[in-house]
C-alpha atoms as a PDB file:
ATOM      1  CA  MET A   1      -0.118   0.139  -0.250  1.00  0.00           C
ATOM      2  CA  GLU A   2       2.871   2.226   0.965  1.00  0.00           C
ATOM      3  CA  GLN A   3       4.586   1.767  -2.739  1.00  0.00           C
ATOM      4  CA  LEU A   4       1.167   2.438  -4.355  1.00  0.00           C
ATOM      5  CA  ILE A   5       1.068   5.952  -2.327  1.00  0.00           C
ATOM      6  CA  ILE A   6       4.857   6.623  -3.380  1.00  0.00           C
ATOM      7  CA  LEU A   7       3.660   5.670  -6.951  1.00  0.00           C
ATOM      8  CA  LEU A   8       0.973   8.009  -6.946  1.00  0.00           C
ATOM      9  CA  ILE A   9       3.042  10.998  -5.442  1.00  0.00           C
ATOM     10  CA  VAL A  10       5.674  10.674  -7.748  1.00  0.00           C
ATOM     11  CA  GLY A  11       3.549  10.170 -10.755  1.00  0.00           C
ATOM     12  CA  ALA A  12       1.702  13.501  -9.945  1.00  0.00           C
ATOM     13  CA  VAL A  13       4.981  15.474  -9.241  1.00  0.00           C
ATOM     14  CA  ALA A  14       6.576  14.073 -12.445  1.00  0.00           C
ATOM     15  CA  GLY A  15       3.124  14.834 -14.533  1.00  0.00           C
ATOM     16  CA  TRP A  16       3.148  18.236 -13.075  1.00  0.00           C
ATOM     17  CA  LEU A  17       6.994  19.029 -14.105  1.00  0.00           C
ATOM     18  CA  ALA A  18       6.698  17.440 -17.366  1.00  0.00           C
ATOM     19  CA  THR A  19       3.303  19.540 -18.201  1.00  0.00           C
ATOM     20  CA  GLN A  20       5.251  22.809 -17.048  1.00  0.00           C
ATOM     21  CA  LEU A  21       8.429  21.986 -18.994  1.00  0.00           C
ATOM     22  CA  MET A  22       6.576  21.350 -22.234  1.00  0.00           C
ATOM     23  CA  LYS A  23       4.204  24.299 -21.633  1.00  0.00           C
ATOM     24  CA  ASN A  24       0.953  21.886 -21.622  1.00  0.00           C
ATOM     25  CA  ARG A  25      -0.953  23.079 -18.693  1.00  0.00           C
ATOM     26  CA  SER A  26      -4.264  22.179 -19.795  1.00  0.00           C
ATOM     27  CA  MET A  27      -4.486  18.786 -17.944  1.00  0.00           C
ATOM     28  CA  SER A  28      -6.605  18.008 -14.864  1.00  0.00           C
ATOM     29  CA  LEU A  29      -4.645  16.499 -11.378  1.00  0.00           C
ATOM     30  CA  VAL A  30      -5.964  13.093 -12.635  1.00  0.00           C
ATOM     31  CA  TRP A  31      -4.587  13.228 -16.048  1.00  0.00           C
ATOM     32  CA  THR A  32      -1.469  14.710 -14.837  1.00  0.00           C
ATOM     33  CA  THR A  33      -1.165  11.782 -12.086  1.00  0.00           C
ATOM     34  CA  ILE A  34      -1.737   9.163 -14.918  1.00  0.00           C
ATOM     35  CA  LEU A  35       0.682  10.681 -17.270  1.00  0.00           C
ATOM     36  CA  GLY A  36       3.468  10.796 -14.435  1.00  0.00           C
ATOM     37  CA  VAL A  37       2.645   7.035 -13.588  1.00  0.00           C
ATOM     38  CA  ALA A  38       2.769   5.958 -17.403  1.00  0.00           C
ATOM     39  CA  GLY A  39       5.751   8.303 -17.720  1.00  0.00           C
ATOM     40  CA  ALA A  40       7.467   6.527 -14.758  1.00  0.00           C
ATOM     41  CA  TYR A  41       6.953   3.324 -16.507  1.00  0.00           C
ATOM     42  CA  ILE A  42       8.583   4.442 -19.713  1.00  0.00           C
ATOM     43  CA  GLY A  43      11.281   6.346 -18.140  1.00  0.00           C
ATOM     44  CA  ASN A  44      12.620   3.401 -16.048  1.00  0.00           C
ATOM     45  CA  ILE A  45      12.337   1.047 -19.336  1.00  0.00           C
ATOM     46  CA  ALA A  46      14.472   3.805 -21.044  1.00  0.00           C
ATOM     47  CA  LEU A  47      16.941   4.578 -18.573  1.00  0.00           C
ATOM     48  CA  ASP A  48      17.593   1.067 -17.646  1.00  0.00           C
ATOM     49  CA  ALA A  49      18.045   0.401 -21.280  1.00  0.00           C
ATOM     50  CA  ILE A  50      21.116   2.416 -21.184  1.00  0.00           C
ATOM     51  CA  GLY A  51      22.545   1.531 -17.971  1.00  0.00           C
ATOM     52  CA  ILE A  52      20.956   4.113 -15.367  1.00  0.00           C
ATOM     53  CA  HIS A  53      19.221   2.726 -12.275  1.00  0.00           C
ATOM     54  CA  THR A  54      17.217   4.954 -10.062  1.00  0.00           C
ATOM     55  CA  SER A  55      16.248   3.641  -6.725  1.00  0.00           C
ATOM     56  CA  LYS A  56      15.894   7.117  -4.653  1.00  0.00           C
ATOM     57  CA  LEU A  57      13.057   9.200  -4.713  1.00  0.00           C
ATOM     58  CA  LEU A  58      14.471  12.357  -6.718  1.00  0.00           C
ATOM     59  CA  GLY A  59      15.710   9.673  -9.447  1.00  0.00           C
ATOM     60  CA  GLN A  60      12.264   7.919  -9.491  1.00  0.00           C
ATOM     61  CA  ILE A  61      10.860  11.535  -9.869  1.00  0.00           C
ATOM     62  CA  VAL A  62      13.762  12.536 -12.800  1.00  0.00           C
ATOM     63  CA  SER A  63      12.993   9.283 -14.551  1.00  0.00           C
ATOM     64  CA  ALA A  64       9.346   9.721 -14.234  1.00  0.00           C
ATOM     65  CA  THR A  65       9.419  13.266 -15.395  1.00  0.00           C
ATOM     66  CA  PHE A  66      11.544  12.191 -18.639  1.00  0.00           C
ATOM     67  CA  GLY A  67       9.288   9.508 -19.457  1.00  0.00           C
ATOM     68  CA  ALA A  68       6.027  11.814 -19.223  1.00  0.00           C
ATOM     69  CA  ILE A  69       7.936  14.148 -21.437  1.00  0.00           C
ATOM     70  CA  VAL A  70       8.660  11.583 -24.070  1.00  0.00           C
ATOM     71  CA  LEU A  71       4.867  10.837 -23.670  1.00  0.00           C
ATOM     72  CA  LEU A  72       3.685  14.521 -24.216  1.00  0.00           C
ATOM     73  CA  PHE A  73       5.779  14.581 -27.350  1.00  0.00           C
ATOM     74  CA  ILE A  74       4.581  11.758 -28.765  1.00  0.00           C
ATOM     75  CA  ALA A  75       1.090  12.780 -28.092  1.00  0.00           C
ATOM     76  CA  SER A  76       1.669  16.316 -29.802  1.00  0.00           C
ATOM     77  CA  LYS A  77       3.196  14.682 -32.700  1.00  0.00           C
ATOM     78  CA  ILE A  78       0.070  12.601 -33.123  1.00  0.00           C
ATOM     79  CA  ARG A  79      -2.594  15.588 -32.695  1.00  0.00           C
END
């Protein structure tokens, strides 16, 4: 249960950071959190593939933000 709460907090922070960096401020808190959680998954896969492993909270937020930015970039190209 504790890991789920941490995942949601990291997702919310990472999603918010990604929307601020990509200047996409029209998302609700729920979608921002979903973006961050999905970004965490993508960021972990991408960074693990190049040999960067994150285990601390700050590293998880950076990884999730990276993944969320990738997702926002892909979504902007699809629209």
